[in-house]
Amino acid sequence: TGRHHQIRAQFAHHNLPLYGDQRYNKSAVPGEQLALWAYALTLEHPTL
């Protein structure tokens, strides 16, 4: 499902906050980059 901040909020709720998450990880240091990356997307081509 694609909810607002879903991955970040769910992992924080389950005590596994994302590295560098300035909103959901209380231990994140200012300047750290959020370590969340959409590395693969599979879809059906709209015409092919």
All heavy atoms as atom14 arrays in JSON, in Angstrom:
{
  "sequence": "TGRHHQIRAQFAHHNLPLYGDQRYNKSAVPGEQLALWAYALTLEHPTL",
  "atom14_mask": [
    [1, 1, 1, 1, 1, 1, 1, 0, 0, 0, 0, 0, 0, 0],
    [1, 1, 1, 1, 0, 0, 0, 0, 0, 0, 0, 0, 0, 0],
    [1, 1, 1, 1, 1, 1, 1, 1, 1, 1, 1, 0, 0, 0],
    [1, 1, 1, 1, 1, 1, 1, 1, 1, 1, 0, 0, 0, 0],
    [1, 1, 1, 1, 1, 1, 1, 1, 1, 1, 0, 0, 0, 0],
    [1, 1, 1, 1, 1, 1, 1, 1, 1, 0, 0, 0, 0, 0],
    [1, 1, 1, 1, 1, 1, 1, 1, 0, 0, 0, 0, 0, 0],
    [1, 1, 1, 1, 1, 1, 1, 1, 1, 1, 1, 0, 0, 0],
    [1, 1, 1, 1, 1, 0, 0, 0, 0, 0, 0, 0, 0, 0],
    [1, 1, 1, 1, 1, 1, 1, 1, 1, 0, 0, 0, 0, 0],
    [1, 1, 1, 1, 1, 1, 1, 1, 1, 1, 1, 0, 0, 0],
    [1, 1, 1, 1, 1, 0, 0, 0, 0, 0, 0, 0, 0, 0],
    [1, 1, 1, 1, 1, 1, 1, 1, 1, 1, 0, 0, 0, 0],
    [1, 1, 1, 1, 1, 1, 1, 1, 1, 1, 0, 0, 0, 0],
    [1, 1, 1, 1, 1, 1, 1, 1, 0, 0, 0, 0, 0, 0],
    [1, 1, 1, 1, 1, 1, 1, 1, 0, 0, 0, 0, 0, 0],
    [1, 1, 1, 1, 1, 1, 1, 0, 0, 0, 0, 0, 0, 0],
    [1, 1, 1, 1, 1, 1, 1, 1, 0, 0, 0, 0, 0, 0],
    [1, 1, 1, 1, 1, 1, 1, 1, 1, 1, 1, 1, 0, 0],
    [1, 1, 1, 1, 0, 0, 0, 0, 0, 0, 0, 0, 0, 0],
    [1, 1, 1, 1, 1, 1, 1, 1, 0, 0, 0, 0, 0, 0],
    [1, 1, 1, 1, 1, 1, 1, 1, 1, 0, 0, 0, 0, 0],
    [1, 1, 1, 1, 1, 1, 1, 1, 1, 1, 1, 0, 0, 0],
    [1, 1, 1, 1, 1, 1, 1, 1, 1, 1, 1, 1, 0, 0],
    [1, 1, 1, 1, 1, 1, 1, 1, 0, 0, 0, 0, 0, 0],
    [1, 1, 1, 1, 1, 1, 1, 1, 1, 0, 0, 0, 0, 0],
    [1, 1, 1, 1, 1, 1, 0, 0, 0, 0, 0, 0, 0, 0],
    [1, 1, 1, 1, 1, 0, 0, 0, 0, 0, 0, 0, 0, 0],
    [1, 1, 1, 1, 1, 1, 1, 0, 0, 0, 0, 0, 0, 0],
    [1, 1, 1, 1, 1, 1, 1, 0, 0, 0, 0, 0, 0, 0],
    [1, 1, 1, 1, 0, 0, 0, 0, 0, 0, 0, 0, 0, 0],
    [1, 1, 1, 1, 1, 1, 1, 1, 1, 0, 0, 0, 0, 0],
    [1, 1, 1, 1, 1, 1, 1, 1, 1, 0, 0, 0, 0, 0],
    [1, 1, 1, 1, 1, 1, 1, 1, 0, 0, 0, 0, 0, 0],
    [1, 1, 1, 1, 1, 0, 0, 0, 0, 0, 0, 0, 0, 0],
    [1, 1, 1, 1, 1, 1, 1, 1, 0, 0, 0, 0, 0, 0],
    [1, 1, 1, 1, 1, 1, 1, 1, 1, 1, 1, 1, 1, 1],
    [1, 1, 1, 1, 1, 0, 0, 0, 0, 0, 0, 0, 0, 0],
    [1, 1, 1, 1, 1, 1, 1, 1, 1, 1, 1, 1, 0, 0],
    [1, 1, 1, 1, 1, 0, 0, 0, 0, 0, 0, 0, 0, 0],
    [1, 1, 1, 1, 1, 1, 1, 1, 0, 0, 0, 0, 0, 0],
    [1, 1, 1, 1, 1, 1, 1, 0, 0, 0, 0, 0, 0, 0],
    [1, 1, 1, 1, 1, 1, 1, 1, 0, 0, 0, 0, 0, 0],
    [1, 1, 1, 1, 1, 1, 1, 1, 1, 0, 0, 0, 0, 0],
    [1, 1, 1, 1, 1, 1, 1, 1, 1, 1, 0, 0, 0, 0],
    [1, 1, 1, 1, 1, 1, 1, 0, 0, 0, 0, 0, 0, 0],
    [1, 1, 1, 1, 1, 1, 1, 0, 0, 0, 0, 0, 0, 0],
    [1, 1, 1, 1, 1, 1, 1, 1, 0, 0, 0, 0, 0, 0]
  ],
  "atom14_positions": [
    [[0.87, -1.17, 0.0], [0.0, 0.0, 0.0], [0.91, 1.23, 0.0], [2.01, 1.17, 0.52], [-0.91, 0.03, 1.24], [-0.12, -0.09, 2.42], [-1.92, -1.11, 1.2], [0.0, 0.0, 0.0], [0.0, 0.0, 0.0], [0.0, 0.0, 0.0], [0.0, 0.0, 0.0], [0.0, 0.0, 0.0], [0.0, 0.0, 0.0], [0.0, 0.0, 0.0]],
    [[0.43, 2.32, -0.56], [1.28, 3.5, -0.67], [0.76, 4.65, 0.16], [0.21, 5.61, -0.38], [0.0, 0.0, 0.0], [0.0, 0.0, 0.0], [0.0, 0.0, 0.0], [0.0, 0.0, 0.0], [0.0, 0.0, 0.0], [0.0, 0.0, 0.0], [0.0, 0.0, 0.0], [0.0, 0.0, 0.0], [0.0, 0.0, 0.0], [0.0, 0.0, 0.0]],
    [[0.94, 4.56, 1.47], [0.44, 5.6, 2.36], [1.51, 6.66, 2.62], [2.69, 6.42, 2.42], [-0.01, 4.99, 3.69], [-0.98, 3.83, 3.58], [-2.22, 4.17, 2.78], [-3.15, 3.05, 2.76], [-4.14, 2.93, 1.9], [-4.35, 3.86, 0.98], [-4.95, 1.89, 1.94], [0.0, 0.0, 0.0], [0.0, 0.0, 0.0], [0.0, 0.0, 0.0]],
    [[1.06, 7.82, 3.11], [1.96, 8.92, 3.43], [2.98, 8.48, 4.48], [2.61, 8.04, 5.57], [1.12, 10.1, 3.95], [1.93, 11.29, 4.36], [2.14, 11.62, 5.69], [2.58, 12.23, 3.63], [2.87, 12.72, 5.75], [3.14, 13.11, 4.52], [0.0, 0.0, 0.0], [0.0, 0.0, 0.0], [0.0, 0.0, 0.0], [0.0, 0.0, 0.0]],
    [[4.26, 8.57, 4.14], [5.35, 8.22, 5.05], [5.22, 6.78, 5.58], [5.69, 6.48, 6.69], [5.4, 9.18, 6.24], [5.85, 10.56, 5.88], [6.0, 11.56, 6.83], [6.18, 11.13, 4.69], [6.39, 12.68, 6.23], [6.51, 12.43, 4.93], [0.0, 0.0, 0.0], [0.0, 0.0, 0.0], [0.0, 0.0, 0.0], [0.0, 0.0, 0.0]],
    [[4.61, 5.89, 4.82], [4.26, 4.58, 5.35], [5.46, 3.8, 5.89], [5.45, 3.32, 7.02], [3.56, 3.73, 4.28], [3.21, 2.33, 4.79], [2.54, 1.46, 3.75], [1.89, 1.96, 2.83], [2.69, 0.15, 3.88], [0.0, 0.0, 0.0], [0.0, 0.0, 0.0], [0.0, 0.0, 0.0], [0.0, 0.0, 0.0], [0.0, 0.0, 0.0]],
    [[6.5, 3.63, 5.06], [7.66, 2.84, 5.48], [8.3, 3.46, 6.72], [8.6, 2.76, 7.7], [8.67, 2.72, 4.33], [8.08, 1.88, 3.19], [9.99, 2.11, 4.83], [8.95, 1.83, 1.95], [0.0, 0.0, 0.0], [0.0, 0.0, 0.0], [0.0, 0.0, 0.0], [0.0, 0.0, 0.0], [0.0, 0.0, 0.0], [0.0, 0.0, 0.0]],
    [[8.49, 4.75, 6.7], [9.16, 5.43, 7.8], [8.35, 5.3, 9.09], [8.9, 5.01, 10.17], [9.37, 6.89, 7.43], [10.25, 7.07, 6.19], [10.11, 8.46, 5.57], [10.6, 9.51, 6.48], [10.49, 10.8, 6.21], [9.9, 11.2, 5.08], [10.96, 11.69, 7.05], [0.0, 0.0, 0.0], [0.0, 0.0, 0.0], [0.0, 0.0, 0.0]],
    [[7.04, 5.5, 9.01], [6.19, 5.44, 10.2], [6.06, 4.01, 10.73], [6.11, 3.79, 11.95], [4.81, 6.01, 9.88], [0.0, 0.0, 0.0], [0.0, 0.0, 0.0], [0.0, 0.0, 0.0], [0.0, 0.0, 0.0], [0.0, 0.0, 0.0], [0.0, 0.0, 0.0], [0.0, 0.0, 0.0], [0.0, 0.0, 0.0], [0.0, 0.0, 0.0]],
    [[5.91, 3.03, 9.83], [5.76, 1.65, 10.29], [7.03, 1.13, 10.95], [6.98, 0.49, 12.0], [5.34, 0.73, 9.14], [3.85, 0.81, 8.82], [3.4, -0.28, 7.87], [3.57, -0.16, 6.67], [2.81, -1.33, 8.43], [0.0, 0.0, 0.0], [0.0, 0.0, 0.0], [0.0, 0.0, 0.0], [0.0, 0.0, 0.0], [0.0, 0.0, 0.0]],
    [[8.18, 1.38, 10.33], [9.43, 0.9, 10.93], [9.71, 1.59, 12.26], [10.18, 0.95, 13.21], [10.59, 1.07, 9.95], [10.75, -0.09, 9.02], [10.02, -0.17, 7.85], [11.61, -1.14, 9.32], [10.14, -1.25, 6.99], [11.75, -2.22, 8.47], [11.0, -2.28, 7.3], [0.0, 0.0, 0.0], [0.0, 0.0, 0.0], [0.0, 0.0, 0.0]],
    [[9.42, 2.88, 12.35], [9.6, 3.57, 13.64], [8.68, 3.0, 14.7], [9.07, 2.8, 15.86], [9.36, 5.07, 13.46], [0.0, 0.0, 0.0], [0.0, 0.0, 0.0], [0.0, 0.0, 0.0], [0.0, 0.0, 0.0], [0.0, 0.0, 0.0], [0.0, 0.0, 0.0], [0.0, 0.0, 0.0], [0.0, 0.0, 0.0], [0.0, 0.0, 0.0]],
    [[7.43, 2.71, 14.32], [6.47, 2.15, 15.26], [6.93, 0.79, 15.79], [6.69, 0.46, 16.95], [5.11, 2.01, 14.58], [4.08, 1.31, 15.41], [3.44, 1.9, 16.47], [3.59, 0.03, 15.34], [2.59, 1.05, 17.01], [2.67, -0.11, 16.35], [0.0, 0.0, 0.0], [0.0, 0.0, 0.0], [0.0, 0.0, 0.0], [0.0, 0.0, 0.0]],
    [[7.6, 0.02, 14.94], [8.09, -1.31, 15.34], [9.52, -1.26, 15.88], [10.23, -2.26, 15.85], [7.98, -2.27, 14.16], [6.56, -2.6, 13.79], [5.84, -3.58, 14.44], [5.72, -2.06, 12.87], [4.63, -3.65, 13.91], [4.53, -2.74, 12.96], [0.0, 0.0, 0.0], [0.0, 0.0, 0.0], [0.0, 0.0, 0.0], [0.0, 0.0, 0.0]],
    [[9.92, -0.08, 16.35], [11.23, 0.13, 17.01], [12.41, -0.15, 16.09], [13.46, -0.6, 16.54], [11.33, -0.71, 18.28], [10.27, -0.33, 19.3], [10.06, 0.85, 19.58], [9.6, -1.33, 19.86], [0.0, 0.0, 0.0], [0.0, 0.0, 0.0], [0.0, 0.0, 0.0], [0.0, 0.0, 0.0], [0.0, 0.0, 0.0], [0.0, 0.0, 0.0]],
    [[12.24, 0.14, 14.81], [13.31, -0.01, 13.83], [13.38, 1.25, 12.97], [13.18, 1.21, 11.75], [13.07, -1.24, 12.94], [13.09, -2.6, 13.64], [12.53, -3.68, 12.73], [14.51, -2.96, 14.08], [0.0, 0.0, 0.0], [0.0, 0.0, 0.0], [0.0, 0.0, 0.0], [0.0, 0.0, 0.0], [0.0, 0.0, 0.0], [0.0, 0.0, 0.0]],
    [[13.66, 2.4, 13.57], [13.64, 3.65, 12.79], [14.71, 3.67, 11.71], [15.78, 3.08, 11.86], [13.9, 4.72, 13.85], [14.67, 4.0, 14.93], [14.08, 2.61, 14.96], [0.0, 0.0, 0.0], [0.0, 0.0, 0.0], [0.0, 0.0, 0.0], [0.0, 0.0, 0.0], [0.0, 0.0, 0.0], [0.0, 0.0, 0.0], [0.0, 0.0, 0.0]],
    [[14.41, 4.35, 10.63], [15.35, 4.44, 9.51], [16.5, 5.38, 9.84], [16.31, 6.43, 10.48], [14.64, 4.93, 8.25], [14.0, 3.84, 7.36], [12.95, 3.05, 8.11], [13.45, 4.46, 6.08], [0.0, 0.0, 0.0], [0.0, 0.0, 0.0], [0.0, 0.0, 0.0], [0.0, 0.0, 0.0], [0.0, 0.0, 0.0], [0.0, 0.0, 0.0]],
    [[17.68, 5.01, 9.37], [18.86, 5.85, 9.51], [18.6, 7.2, 8.86], [18.11, 7.29, 7.71], [20.07, 5.17, 8.87], [21.31, 6.03, 8.85], [22.19, 6.04, 9.92], [21.61, 6.83, 7.73], [23.33, 6.84, 9.91], [22.74, 7.63, 7.71], [23.6, 7.63, 8.79], [24.72, 8.41, 8.77], [0.0, 0.0, 0.0], [0.0, 0.0, 0.0]],
    [[18.94, 8.26, 9.58], [18.85, 9.61, 9.02], [17.46, 10.18, 8.92], [17.27, 11.24, 8.32], [0.0, 0.0, 0.0], [0.0, 0.0, 0.0], [0.0, 0.0, 0.0], [0.0, 0.0, 0.0], [0.0, 0.0, 0.0], [0.0, 0.0, 0.0], [0.0, 0.0, 0.0], [0.0, 0.0, 0.0], [0.0, 0.0, 0.0], [0.0, 0.0, 0.0]],
    [[16.45, 9.51, 9.52], [15.07, 10.0, 9.41], [14.85, 11.09, 10.46], [14.67, 10.83, 11.65], [14.09, 8.85, 9.63], [12.68, 9.23, 9.22], [12.37, 10.43, 9.2], [11.89, 8.31, 8.92], [0.0, 0.0, 0.0], [0.0, 0.0, 0.0], [0.0, 0.0, 0.0], [0.0, 0.0, 0.0], [0.0, 0.0, 0.0], [0.0, 0.0, 0.0]],
    [[14.84, 12.33, 10.01], [14.75, 13.47, 10.92], [13.38, 13.61, 11.56], [13.25, 14.3, 12.58], [15.11, 14.76, 10.17], [16.45, 14.72, 9.45], [17.63, 14.56, 10.4], [17.6, 15.06, 11.52], [18.69, 13.87, 9.96], [0.0, 0.0, 0.0], [0.0, 0.0, 0.0], [0.0, 0.0, 0.0], [0.0, 0.0, 0.0], [0.0, 0.0, 0.0]],
    [[12.36, 12.95, 11.01], [11.01, 13.05, 11.57], [10.67, 11.92, 12.52], [9.96, 12.11, 13.51], [9.96, 13.09, 10.45], [9.93, 14.39, 9.67], [8.85, 14.32, 8.61], [8.91, 15.5, 7.75], [8.05, 16.5, 7.79], [7.05, 16.46, 8.67], [8.16, 17.52, 6.97], [0.0, 0.0, 0.0], [0.0, 0.0, 0.0], [0.0, 0.0, 0.0]],
    [[11.13, 10.71, 12.22], [10.67, 9.54, 12.96], [11.77, 8.85, 13.76], [11.49, 7.91, 14.5], [10.04, 8.53, 11.99], [8.82, 9.05, 11.27], [8.92, 9.65, 10.02], [7.56, 8.95, 11.86], [7.8, 10.13, 9.36], [6.43, 9.43, 11.22], [6.55, 10.02, 9.96], [5.44, 10.51, 9.31], [0.0, 0.0, 0.0], [0.0, 0.0, 0.0]],
    [[13.01, 9.26, 13.62], [14.12, 8.65, 14.35], [14.71, 9.69, 15.31], [15.39, 10.62, 14.89], [15.18, 8.15, 13.38], [16.3, 7.39, 14.07], [16.42, 7.4, 15.29], [17.15, 6.74, 13.28], [0.0, 0.0, 0.0], [0.0, 0.0, 0.0], [0.0, 0.0, 0.0], [0.0, 0.0, 0.0], [0.0, 0.0, 0.0], [0.0, 0.0, 0.0]],
    [[14.45, 9.52, 16.59], [14.9, 10.5, 17.58], [16.42, 10.54, 17.7], [16.99, 11.52, 18.19], [14.29, 10.16, 18.95], [12.78, 10.29, 18.99], [12.24, 9.92, 20.38], [10.71, 10.05, 20.41], [10.14, 9.67, 21.72], [0.0, 0.0, 0.0], [0.0, 0.0, 0.0], [0.0, 0.0, 0.0], [0.0, 0.0, 0.0], [0.0, 0.0, 0.0]],
    [[17.1, 9.47, 17.22], [18.56, 9.43, 17.31], [19.24, 9.97, 16.05], [20.47, 10.01, 16.0], [19.02, 7.99, 17.56], [18.5, 7.5, 18.78], [0.0, 0.0, 0.0], [0.0, 0.0, 0.0], [0.0, 0.0, 0.0], [0.0, 0.0, 0.0], [0.0, 0.0, 0.0], [0.0, 0.0, 0.0], [0.0, 0.0, 0.0], [0.0, 0.0, 0.0]],
    [[18.46, 10.37, 15.07], [19.05, 10.88, 13.83], [19.81, 12.18, 14.1], [19.33, 13.05, 14.83], [17.98, 11.1, 12.78], [0.0, 0.0, 0.0], [0.0, 0.0, 0.0], [0.0, 0.0, 0.0], [0.0, 0.0, 0.0], [0.0, 0.0, 0.0], [0.0, 0.0, 0.0], [0.0, 0.0, 0.0], [0.0, 0.0, 0.0], [0.0, 0.0, 0.0]],
    [[20.98, 12.27, 13.51], [21.82, 13.47, 13.66], [21.5, 14.44, 12.53], [21.38, 14.03, 11.37], [23.31, 13.07, 13.61], [24.2, 14.31, 13.66], [23.63, 12.11, 14.75], [0.0, 0.0, 0.0], [0.0, 0.0, 0.0], [0.0, 0.0, 0.0], [0.0, 0.0, 0.0], [0.0, 0.0, 0.0], [0.0, 0.0, 0.0], [0.0, 0.0, 0.0]],
    [[21.34, 15.74, 12.84], [21.08, 16.71, 11.77], [22.13, 16.61, 10.67], [23.32, 16.52, 10.94], [21.15, 18.05, 12.5], [20.75, 17.73, 13.91], [21.33, 16.35, 14.17], [0.0, 0.0, 0.0], [0.0, 0.0, 0.0], [0.0, 0.0, 0.0], [0.0, 0.0, 0.0], [0.0, 0.0, 0.0], [0.0, 0.0, 0.0], [0.0, 0.0, 0.0]],
    [[21.68, 16.59, 9.45], [22.58, 16.46, 8.31], [22.68, 15.04, 7.77], [23.14, 14.85, 6.64], [0.0, 0.0, 0.0], [0.0, 0.0, 0.0], [0.0, 0.0, 0.0], [0.0, 0.0, 0.0], [0.0, 0.0, 0.0], [0.0, 0.0, 0.0], [0.0, 0.0, 0.0], [0.0, 0.0, 0.0], [0.0, 0.0, 0.0], [0.0, 0.0, 0.0]],
    [[22.28, 14.03, 8.56], [22.28, 12.66, 8.05], [21.22, 12.51, 6.96], [20.12, 13.06, 7.06], [21.98, 11.66, 9.18], [23.13, 11.41, 10.12], [22.78, 10.4, 11.19], [21.58, 10.12, 11.39], [23.71, 9.9, 11.85], [0.0, 0.0, 0.0], [0.0, 0.0, 0.0], [0.0, 0.0, 0.0], [0.0, 0.0, 0.0], [0.0, 0.0, 0.0]],
    [[21.56, 11.75, 5.93], [20.65, 11.53, 4.81], [19.75, 10.33, 5.1], [20.22, 9.26, 5.47], [21.43, 11.28, 3.52], [20.58, 10.92, 2.31], [19.58, 12.02, 1.96], [19.96, 13.18, 1.82], [18.32, 11.66, 1.86], [0.0, 0.0, 0.0], [0.0, 0.0, 0.0], [0.0, 0.0, 0.0], [0.0, 0.0, 0.0], [0.0, 0.0, 0.0]],
    [[18.45, 10.5, 4.92], [17.5, 9.4, 5.08], [17.92, 8.23, 4.17], [18.09, 8.4, 2.96], [16.09, 9.85, 4.71], [15.02, 8.76, 4.7], [14.75, 8.24, 6.1], [13.74, 9.26, 4.03], [0.0, 0.0, 0.0], [0.0, 0.0, 0.0], [0.0, 0.0, 0.0], [0.0, 0.0, 0.0], [0.0, 0.0, 0.0], [0.0, 0.0, 0.0]],
    [[18.04, 7.04, 4.76], [18.45, 5.85, 4.0], [17.22, 5.07, 3.58], [16.88, 4.02, 4.14], [19.39, 4.98, 4.82], [0.0, 0.0, 0.0], [0.0, 0.0, 0.0], [0.0, 0.0, 0.0], [0.0, 0.0, 0.0], [0.0, 0.0, 0.0], [0.0, 0.0, 0.0], [0.0, 0.0, 0.0], [0.0, 0.0, 0.0], [0.0, 0.0, 0.0]],
    [[16.51, 5.61, 2.59], [15.33, 4.96, 2.01], [15.39, 5.16, 0.51], [15.49, 6.29, 0.03], [14.05, 5.56, 2.59], [12.74, 5.02, 2.0], [12.58, 3.53, 2.27], [11.54, 5.8, 2.57], [0.0, 0.0, 0.0], [0.0, 0.0, 0.0], [0.0, 0.0, 0.0], [0.0, 0.0, 0.0], [0.0, 0.0, 0.0], [0.0, 0.0, 0.0]],
    [[15.32, 4.05, -0.24], [15.55, 4.12, -1.68], [14.61, 3.15, -2.4], [14.58, 1.95, -2.09], [17.0, 3.75, -1.98], [17.41, 3.99, -3.4], [17.29, 3.12, -4.45], [17.98, 5.19, -3.95], [17.75, 3.69, -5.61], [18.19, 4.96, -5.33], [18.35, 6.41, -3.4], [18.75, 5.92, -6.16], [18.91, 7.37, -4.23], [19.11, 7.13, -5.59]],
    [[13.86, 3.66, -3.35], [12.99, 2.83, -4.19], [13.85, 2.23, -5.3], [14.08, 2.88, -6.32], [11.86, 3.67, -4.78], [0.0, 0.0, 0.0], [0.0, 0.0, 0.0], [0.0, 0.0, 0.0], [0.0, 0.0, 0.0], [0.0, 0.0, 0.0], [0.0, 0.0, 0.0], [0.0, 0.0, 0.0], [0.0, 0.0, 0.0], [0.0, 0.0, 0.0]],
    [[14.32, 1.0, -5.09], [15.32, 0.47, -6.03], [14.73, -0.32, -7.19], [15.42, -0.57, -8.18], [16.34, -0.39, -5.28], [15.9, -1.78, -4.91], [16.08, -2.84, -5.8], [15.32, -2.05, -3.68], [15.68, -4.13, -5.45], [14.92, -3.32, -3.34], [15.11, -4.36, -4.23], [14.71, -5.64, -3.9], [0.0, 0.0, 0.0], [0.0, 0.0, 0.0]],
    [[13.45, -0.72, -7.12], [12.86, -1.48, -8.22], [11.38, -1.15, -8.34], [10.67, -1.05, -7.36], [13.05, -2.98, -8.02], [0.0, 0.0, 0.0], [0.0, 0.0, 0.0], [0.0, 0.0, 0.0], [0.0, 0.0, 0.0], [0.0, 0.0, 0.0], [0.0, 0.0, 0.0], [0.0, 0.0, 0.0], [0.0, 0.0, 0.0], [0.0, 0.0, 0.0]],
    [[10.94, -0.99, -9.58], [9.53, -0.73, -9.87], [9.13, -1.61, -11.04], [9.73, -1.55, -12.11], [9.31, 0.74, -10.22], [7.9, 1.13, -10.7], [6.87, 0.87, -9.6], [7.87, 2.59, -11.13], [0.0, 0.0, 0.0], [0.0, 0.0, 0.0], [0.0, 0.0, 0.0], [0.0, 0.0, 0.0], [0.0, 0.0, 0.0], [0.0, 0.0, 0.0]],
    [[8.11, -2.44, -10.83], [7.58, -3.31, -11.88], [6.18, -2.85, -12.23], [5.34, -2.63, -11.34], [7.55, -4.77, -11.42], [8.88, -5.19, -11.11], [7.0, -5.67, -12.52], [0.0, 0.0, 0.0], [0.0, 0.0, 0.0], [0.0, 0.0, 0.0], [0.0, 0.0, 0.0], [0.0, 0.0, 0.0], [0.0, 0.0, 0.0], [0.0, 0.0, 0.0]],
    [[5.91, -2.7, -13.52], [4.6, -2.24, -13.98], [4.31, -2.83, -15.35], [5.19, -3.39, -16.01], [4.56, -0.71, -14.03], [5.66, 0.03, -14.79], [5.39, 0.09, -16.29], [5.84, 1.44, -14.26], [0.0, 0.0, 0.0], [0.0, 0.0, 0.0], [0.0, 0.0, 0.0], [0.0, 0.0, 0.0], [0.0, 0.0, 0.0], [0.0, 0.0, 0.0]],
    [[3.06, -2.71, -15.75], [2.68, -3.09, -17.11], [2.7, -1.84, -17.98], [2.08, -0.83, -17.66], [1.28, -3.71, -17.13], [0.85, -4.18, -18.51], [-0.56, -4.73, -18.52], [-0.72, -5.94, -18.25], [-1.51, -3.95, -18.8], [0.0, 0.0, 0.0], [0.0, 0.0, 0.0], [0.0, 0.0, 0.0], [0.0, 0.0, 0.0], [0.0, 0.0, 0.0]],
    [[3.44, -1.9, -19.1], [3.5, -0.75, -19.99], [2.1, -0.4, -20.45], [1.31, -1.28, -20.82], [4.39, -1.06, -21.2], [4.72, 0.14, -22.03], [3.82, 0.67, -22.92], [5.83, 0.92, -22.08], [4.39, 1.72, -23.52], [5.6, 1.9, -23.01], [0.0, 0.0, 0.0], [0.0, 0.0, 0.0], [0.0, 0.0, 0.0], [0.0, 0.0, 0.0]],
    [[1.73, 0.88, -20.41], [0.33, 1.26, -20.67], [-0.18, 0.97, -22.07], [-1.4, 0.87, -22.27], [0.32, 2.77, -20.38], [1.74, 3.2, -20.5], [2.57, 2.03, -20.06], [0.0, 0.0, 0.0], [0.0, 0.0, 0.0], [0.0, 0.0, 0.0], [0.0, 0.0, 0.0], [0.0, 0.0, 0.0], [0.0, 0.0, 0.0], [0.0, 0.0, 0.0]],
    [[0.69, 0.82, -23.05], [0.22, 0.5, -24.41], [0.78, -0.83, -24.92], [0.09, -1.58, -25.59], [0.61, 1.61, -25.41], [2.03, 1.77, -25.42], [-0.06, 2.92, -25.04], [0.0, 0.0, 0.0], [0.0, 0.0, 0.0], [0.0, 0.0, 0.0], [0.0, 0.0, 0.0], [0.0, 0.0, 0.0], [0.0, 0.0, 0.0], [0.0, 0.0, 0.0]],
    [[2.02, -1.15, -24.58], [2.61, -2.41, -25.04], [2.06, -3.6, -24.26], [2.15, -4.74, -24.73], [4.14, -2.37, -24.87], [4.89, -1.28, -25.63], [6.37, -1.33, -25.28], [4.68, -1.44, -27.13], [0.0, 0.0, 0.0], [0.0, 0.0, 0.0], [0.0, 0.0, 0.0], [0.0, 0.0, 0.0], [0.0, 0.0, 0.0], [0.0, 0.0, 0.0]]
  ]
}
